[in-house]
Amino acid sequence: MKKEYVVGVTGASGICYARRLLEVLCQNAQVHLIISDVAREISRHERIDLTGFDAIYHDADAISADIASGSHPHNGMVIIPCSAKTLSAIATGYADNLITRTADVCLKERRKCILVTREMPLSRIHLQNMLTAHDAGATIMPASPGFYHHPQKIDDLVDMVVARVLDHLGVAHTLSERWSGYDA
């Protein structure tokens, strides 16, 4: 049986992370994809196409979609990138669209809910919202790639972040080298 994931894309720069995650997940899993209106604008600005994936596309306003219910089982949700606005909504339980409602359901059902934040610098409010979401069960993963694998291009940095997301979902991959210690 295929694993099933929900991917939410919100209005923060870094749509490339979402694209790469979708490229990997859509190969062997059923993916429900929700793209906010602001994310659509940013994807046009960043010249990254999020259409054409073998995914089930949901309108962000379709609050009654099956994935918005705890009775619809799936293997986890990733919001990538996760805007500060979306983080705030999740931290406070303000489920006003399909992305935040599905995240709210993930938390109450104790399913994986990964928030790939993309803001900097962080205010005390952002940090508190991250801590609140974490305490509710979310995994907070700032899009902060490492450099120990000696990246040669931007795609290497994107793959490093997406690899960590896949690790937390339990999805096997070969996107990025794993840390093996310092060269002697």
C-alpha atoms as a PDB file:
ATOM      1  CA  MET A   1       0.000   0.000   0.000  1.00  0.00           C
ATOM      2  CA  LYS A   2       1.328   3.426  -0.979  1.00  0.00           C
ATOM      3  CA  LYS A   3       2.124   5.888   1.760  1.00  0.00           C
ATOM      4  CA  GLU A   4       0.093   9.078   1.719  1.00  0.00           C
ATOM      5  CA  TYR A   5       1.327  12.567   2.596  1.00  0.00           C
ATOM      6  CA  VAL A   6      -0.063  16.085   2.652  1.00  0.00           C
ATOM      7  CA  VAL A   7       2.130  18.947   1.434  1.00  0.00           C
ATOM      8  CA  GLY A   8       1.156  22.541   2.120  1.00  0.00           C
ATOM      9  CA  VAL A   9       2.962  25.390   0.383  1.00  0.00           C
ATOM     10  CA  THR A  10       2.542  28.820   1.965  1.00  0.00           C
ATOM     11  CA  GLY A  11       3.572  32.388   1.257  1.00  0.00           C
ATOM     12  CA  ALA A  12       7.266  32.482   2.039  1.00  0.00           C
ATOM     13  CA  SER A  13      10.246  32.531  -0.257  1.00  0.00           C
ATOM     14  CA  GLY A  14      11.731  29.096  -0.865  1.00  0.00           C
ATOM     15  CA  ILE A  15       9.240  27.468  -3.212  1.00  0.00           C
ATOM     16  CA  CYS A  16      12.218  25.468  -4.537  1.00  0.00           C
ATOM     17  CA  TYR A  17      12.091  23.369  -1.361  1.00  0.00           C
ATOM     18  CA  ALA A  18       8.469  22.436  -2.059  1.00  0.00           C
ATOM     19  CA  ARG A  19       9.222  21.592  -5.679  1.00  0.00           C
ATOM     20  CA  ARG A  20      12.073  19.261  -4.735  1.00  0.00           C
ATOM     21  CA  LEU A  21      10.054  17.543  -2.002  1.00  0.00           C
ATOM     22  CA  LEU A  22       7.223  16.963  -4.473  1.00  0.00           C
ATOM     23  CA  GLU A  23       9.629  15.547  -7.070  1.00  0.00           C
ATOM     24  CA  VAL A  24      10.701  12.904  -4.565  1.00  0.00           C
ATOM     25  CA  LEU A  25       7.420  12.145  -2.783  1.00  0.00           C
ATOM     26  CA  CYS A  26       5.289  11.912  -5.923  1.00  0.00           C
ATOM     27  CA  GLN A  27       7.467   9.081  -7.259  1.00  0.00           C
ATOM     28  CA  ASN A  28       6.272   6.494  -4.730  1.00  0.00           C
ATOM     29  CA  ALA A  29       3.538   8.018  -2.583  1.00  0.00           C
ATOM     30  CA  GLN A  30       0.110   9.534  -2.883  1.00  0.00           C
ATOM     31  CA  VAL A  31       0.462  13.264  -2.258  1.00  0.00           C
ATOM     32  CA  HIS A  32      -2.240  15.780  -1.417  1.00  0.00           C
ATOM     33  CA  LEU A  33      -1.026  19.241  -2.396  1.00  0.00           C
ATOM     34  CA  ILE A  34      -2.399  22.527  -1.063  1.00  0.00           C
ATOM     35  CA  ILE A  35      -0.923  25.800  -2.359  1.00  0.00           C
ATOM     36  CA  SER A  36      -1.948  29.076  -0.759  1.00  0.00           C
ATOM     37  CA  ASP A  37      -2.759  32.088  -2.942  1.00  0.00           C
ATOM     38  CA  VAL A  38       0.346  33.951  -1.758  1.00  0.00           C
ATOM     39  CA  ALA A  39       2.482  30.862  -2.457  1.00  0.00           C
ATOM     40  CA  ARG A  40       1.155  30.886  -6.039  1.00  0.00           C
ATOM     41  CA  GLU A  41       2.268  34.514  -6.389  1.00  0.00           C
ATOM     42  CA  ILE A  42       5.695  33.751  -4.968  1.00  0.00           C
ATOM     43  CA  SER A  43       6.092  30.697  -7.210  1.00  0.00           C
ATOM     44  CA  ARG A  44       5.488  32.929 -10.238  1.00  0.00           C
ATOM     45  CA  HIS A  45       7.999  35.470  -8.923  1.00  0.00           C
ATOM     46  CA  GLU A  46      10.607  32.769  -8.161  1.00  0.00           C
ATOM     47  CA  ARG A  47       9.828  31.162 -11.542  1.00  0.00           C
ATOM     48  CA  ILE A  48       9.084  27.743 -10.046  1.00  0.00           C
ATOM     49  CA  ASP A  49       6.223  25.685 -11.441  1.00  0.00           C
ATOM     50  CA  LEU A  50       4.272  23.597  -8.928  1.00  0.00           C
ATOM     51  CA  THR A  51       1.839  22.178 -11.471  1.00  0.00           C
ATOM     52  CA  GLY A  52       2.079  18.894 -13.318  1.00  0.00           C
ATOM     53  CA  PHE A  53       2.908  16.683 -10.352  1.00  0.00           C
ATOM     54  CA  ASP A  54       1.122  13.380  -9.915  1.00  0.00           C
ATOM     55  CA  ALA A  55      -0.657  14.743  -6.861  1.00  0.00           C
ATOM     56  CA  ILE A  56      -4.167  15.455  -5.673  1.00  0.00           C
ATOM     57  CA  TYR A  57      -4.486  19.228  -5.813  1.00  0.00           C
ATOM     58  CA  HIS A  58      -6.727  20.898  -3.227  1.00  0.00           C
ATOM     59  CA  ASP A  59      -7.881  24.500  -3.122  1.00  0.00           C
ATOM     60  CA  ALA A  60      -6.673  26.213   0.048  1.00  0.00           C
ATOM     61  CA  ASP A  61     -10.246  27.332   0.764  1.00  0.00           C
ATOM     62  CA  ALA A  62     -11.674  23.792   0.500  1.00  0.00           C
ATOM     63  CA  ILE A  63     -11.941  23.398   4.263  1.00  0.00           C
ATOM     64  CA  SER A  64     -14.290  20.408   3.846  1.00  0.00           C
ATOM     65  CA  ALA A  65     -11.773  18.283   1.903  1.00  0.00           C
ATOM     66  CA  ASP A  66     -11.291  14.744   3.194  1.00  0.00           C
ATOM     67  CA  ILE A  67      -7.778  15.504   4.503  1.00  0.00           C
ATOM     68  CA  ALA A  68      -9.284  18.074   6.903  1.00  0.00           C
ATOM     69  CA  SER A  69     -10.796  15.259   8.945  1.00  0.00           C
ATOM     70  CA  GLY A  70      -9.130  13.101  11.558  1.00  0.00           C
ATOM     71  CA  SER A  71     -10.958  10.129  10.042  1.00  0.00           C
ATOM     72  CA  HIS A  72      -8.799  10.411   6.903  1.00  0.00           C
ATOM     73  CA  PRO A  73      -5.566   8.578   7.745  1.00  0.00           C
ATOM     74  CA  HIS A  74      -2.282   9.635   6.193  1.00  0.00           C
ATOM     75  CA  ASN A  75       1.408   9.344   7.035  1.00  0.00           C
ATOM     76  CA  GLY A  76       2.133  12.987   7.773  1.00  0.00           C
ATOM     77  CA  MET A  77       2.095  16.567   6.619  1.00  0.00           C
ATOM     78  CA  VAL A  78       4.841  18.966   5.590  1.00  0.00           C
ATOM     79  CA  ILE A  79       4.326  22.705   5.210  1.00  0.00           C
ATOM     80  CA  ILE A  80       7.198  23.844   3.027  1.00  0.00           C
ATOM     81  CA  PRO A  81       7.910  26.705   3.101  1.00  0.00           C
ATOM     82  CA  CYS A  82       5.936  27.628   6.192  1.00  0.00           C
ATOM     83  CA  SER A  83       5.281  31.352   6.468  1.00  0.00           C
ATOM     84  CA  ALA A  84       5.280  33.171   9.798  1.00  0.00           C
ATOM     85  CA  LYS A  85       1.550  33.753   9.309  1.00  0.00           C
ATOM     86  CA  THR A  86       0.879  30.029   8.902  1.00  0.00           C
ATOM     87  CA  LEU A  87       3.132  29.197  11.847  1.00  0.00           C
ATOM     88  CA  SER A  88       1.153  31.671  13.966  1.00  0.00           C
ATOM     89  CA  ALA A  89      -2.163  30.179  12.891  1.00  0.00           C
ATOM     90  CA  ILE A  90      -1.009  26.652  13.701  1.00  0.00           C
ATOM     91  CA  ALA A  91       0.450  27.690  17.061  1.00  0.00           C
ATOM     92  CA  THR A  92      -2.826  29.319  18.084  1.00  0.00           C
ATOM     93  CA  GLY A  93      -5.221  26.769  16.559  1.00  0.00           C
ATOM     94  CA  TYR A  94      -6.579  29.269  14.039  1.00  0.00           C
ATOM     95  CA  ALA A  95      -7.623  26.828  11.308  1.00  0.00           C
ATOM     96  CA  ASP A  96      -9.063  29.214   8.723  1.00  0.00           C
ATOM     97  CA  ASN A  97      -7.969  27.386   5.550  1.00  0.00           C
ATOM     98  CA  LEU A  98      -7.235  23.835   4.420  1.00  0.00           C
ATOM     99  CA  ILE A  99      -3.519  24.077   5.215  1.00  0.00           C
ATOM    100  CA  THR A 100      -3.966  25.223   8.798  1.00  0.00           C
ATOM    101  CA  ARG A 101      -6.998  22.955   9.361  1.00  0.00           C
ATOM    102  CA  THR A 102      -5.079  19.887   8.153  1.00  0.00           C
ATOM    103  CA  ALA A 103      -2.109  20.822  10.348  1.00  0.00           C
ATOM    104  CA  ASP A 104      -4.489  21.250  13.288  1.00  0.00           C
ATOM    105  CA  VAL A 105      -5.869  17.752  12.612  1.00  0.00           C
ATOM    106  CA  CYS A 106      -2.341  16.320  12.408  1.00  0.00           C
ATOM    107  CA  LEU A 107      -1.527  17.729  15.820  1.00  0.00           C
ATOM    108  CA  LYS A 108      -4.727  16.519  17.480  1.00  0.00           C
ATOM    109  CA  GLU A 109      -4.348  13.067  15.906  1.00  0.00           C
ATOM    110  CA  ARG A 110      -0.624  12.943  16.822  1.00  0.00           C
ATOM    111  CA  ARG A 111       0.486  12.577  13.199  1.00  0.00           C
ATOM    112  CA  LYS A 112       3.738  13.935  11.832  1.00  0.00           C
ATOM    113  CA  CYS A 113       3.471  17.636  11.136  1.00  0.00           C
ATOM    114  CA  ILE A 114       6.673  19.221   9.835  1.00  0.00           C
ATOM    115  CA  LEU A 115       6.927  22.994   9.492  1.00  0.00           C
ATOM    116  CA  VAL A 116       9.812  24.147   7.295  1.00  0.00           C
ATOM    117  CA  THR A 117      10.064  27.764   8.341  1.00  0.00           C
ATOM    118  CA  ARG A 118      11.779  30.274   6.096  1.00  0.00           C
ATOM    119  CA  GLU A 119      11.914  33.577   7.969  1.00  0.00           C
ATOM    120  CA  MET A 120      14.934  35.484   9.255  1.00  0.00           C
ATOM    121  CA  PRO A 121      15.676  37.151  11.492  1.00  0.00           C
ATOM    122  CA  LEU A 122      13.236  35.721  14.003  1.00  0.00           C
ATOM    123  CA  SER A 123      11.342  37.883  16.451  1.00  0.00           C
ATOM    124  CA  ARG A 124      10.389  36.763  19.931  1.00  0.00           C
ATOM    125  CA  ILE A 125       6.870  36.177  18.557  1.00  0.00           C
ATOM    126  CA  HIS A 126       8.194  33.811  15.861  1.00  0.00           C
ATOM    127  CA  LEU A 127      10.290  31.939  18.410  1.00  0.00           C
ATOM    128  CA  GLN A 128       7.359  31.634  20.807  1.00  0.00           C
ATOM    129  CA  ASN A 129       5.102  30.394  18.005  1.00  0.00           C
ATOM    130  CA  MET A 130       7.732  27.804  17.057  1.00  0.00           C
ATOM    131  CA  LEU A 131       7.955  26.626  20.660  1.00  0.00           C
ATOM    132  CA  THR A 132       4.156  26.493  20.995  1.00  0.00           C
ATOM    133  CA  ALA A 133       3.813  24.475  17.769  1.00  0.00           C
ATOM    134  CA  HIS A 134       6.646  22.196  18.903  1.00  0.00           C
ATOM    135  CA  ASP A 135       4.992  21.635  22.278  1.00  0.00           C
ATOM    136  CA  ALA A 136       1.770  20.717  20.436  1.00  0.00           C
ATOM    137  CA  GLY A 137       3.653  18.034  18.478  1.00  0.00           C
ATOM    138  CA  ALA A 138       4.972  19.742  15.350  1.00  0.00           C
ATOM    139  CA  THR A 139       8.544  19.338  14.154  1.00  0.00           C
ATOM    140  CA  ILE A 140      10.103  22.717  13.416  1.00  0.00           C
ATOM    141  CA  MET A 141      12.715  22.555  10.648  1.00  0.00           C
ATOM    142  CA  PRO A 142      14.077  25.941   9.598  1.00  0.00           C
ATOM    143  CA  ALA A 143      15.333  25.834   6.014  1.00  0.00           C
ATOM    144  CA  SER A 144      18.920  26.024   7.143  1.00  0.00           C
ATOM    145  CA  PRO A 145      21.210  23.773   5.086  1.00  0.00           C
ATOM    146  CA  GLY A 146      24.574  22.565   6.275  1.00  0.00           C
ATOM    147  CA  PHE A 147      27.776  22.997   4.332  1.00  0.00           C
ATOM    148  CA  TYR A 148      29.819  19.964   5.435  1.00  0.00           C
ATOM    149  CA  HIS A 149      28.914  18.165   2.200  1.00  0.00           C
ATOM    150  CA  HIS A 150      30.647  20.913   0.171  1.00  0.00           C
ATOM    151  CA  PRO A 151      27.686  22.074  -1.947  1.00  0.00           C
ATOM    152  CA  GLN A 152      28.561  23.119  -5.484  1.00  0.00           C
ATOM    153  CA  LYS A 153      25.230  24.644  -6.505  1.00  0.00           C
ATOM    154  CA  ILE A 154      21.967  25.882  -5.023  1.00  0.00           C
ATOM    155  CA  ASP A 155      20.286  22.544  -5.755  1.00  0.00           C
ATOM    156  CA  ASP A 156      22.748  20.874  -3.363  1.00  0.00           C
ATOM    157  CA  LEU A 157      21.584  23.209  -0.582  1.00  0.00           C
ATOM    158  CA  VAL A 158      17.926  22.563  -1.409  1.00  0.00           C
ATOM    159  CA  ASP A 159      18.546  18.810  -1.393  1.00  0.00           C
ATOM    160  CA  MET A 160      20.177  19.037   2.046  1.00  0.00           C
ATOM    161  CA  VAL A 161      17.040  20.587   3.565  1.00  0.00           C
ATOM    162  CA  VAL A 162      14.648  18.261   1.729  1.00  0.00           C
ATOM    163  CA  ALA A 163      16.749  15.250   2.754  1.00  0.00           C
ATOM    164  CA  ARG A 164      16.233  16.122   6.415  1.00  0.00           C
ATOM    165  CA  VAL A 165      12.474  16.449   5.837  1.00  0.00           C
ATOM    166  CA  LEU A 166      12.418  13.035   4.154  1.00  0.00           C
ATOM    167  CA  ASP A 167      14.404  11.569   7.049  1.00  0.00           C
ATOM    168  CA  HIS A 168      11.754  12.770   9.487  1.00  0.00           C
ATOM    169  CA  LEU A 169       8.989  11.327   7.305  1.00  0.00           C
ATOM    170  CA  GLY A 170      10.836   7.996   7.179  1.00  0.00           C
ATOM    171  CA  VAL A 171      11.234   8.158   3.389  1.00  0.00           C
ATOM    172  CA  ALA A 172      14.399   6.574   1.983  1.00  0.00           C
ATOM    173  CA  HIS A 173      16.446   8.800  -0.316  1.00  0.00           C
ATOM    174  CA  THR A 174      19.891   9.561  -1.673  1.00  0.00           C
ATOM    175  CA  LEU A 175      19.543  13.334  -1.949  1.00  0.00           C
ATOM    176  CA  SER A 176      22.399  14.369   0.272  1.00  0.00           C
ATOM    177  CA  GLU A 177      25.491  12.922   1.863  1.00  0.00           C
ATOM    178  CA  ARG A 178      25.191  11.969   5.480  1.00  0.00           C
ATOM    179  CA  TRP A 179      27.642  13.257   8.035  1.00  0.00           C
ATOM    180  CA  SER A 180      30.452  10.734   8.465  1.00  0.00           C
ATOM    181  CA  GLY A 181      32.799  12.698  10.677  1.00  0.00           C
ATOM    182  CA  TYR A 182      35.692  14.979   9.941  1.00  0.00           C
ATOM    183  CA  ASP A 183      38.286  13.847   7.404  1.00  0.00           C
ATOM    184  CA  ALA A 184      41.361  12.654   9.279  1.00  0.00           C
END
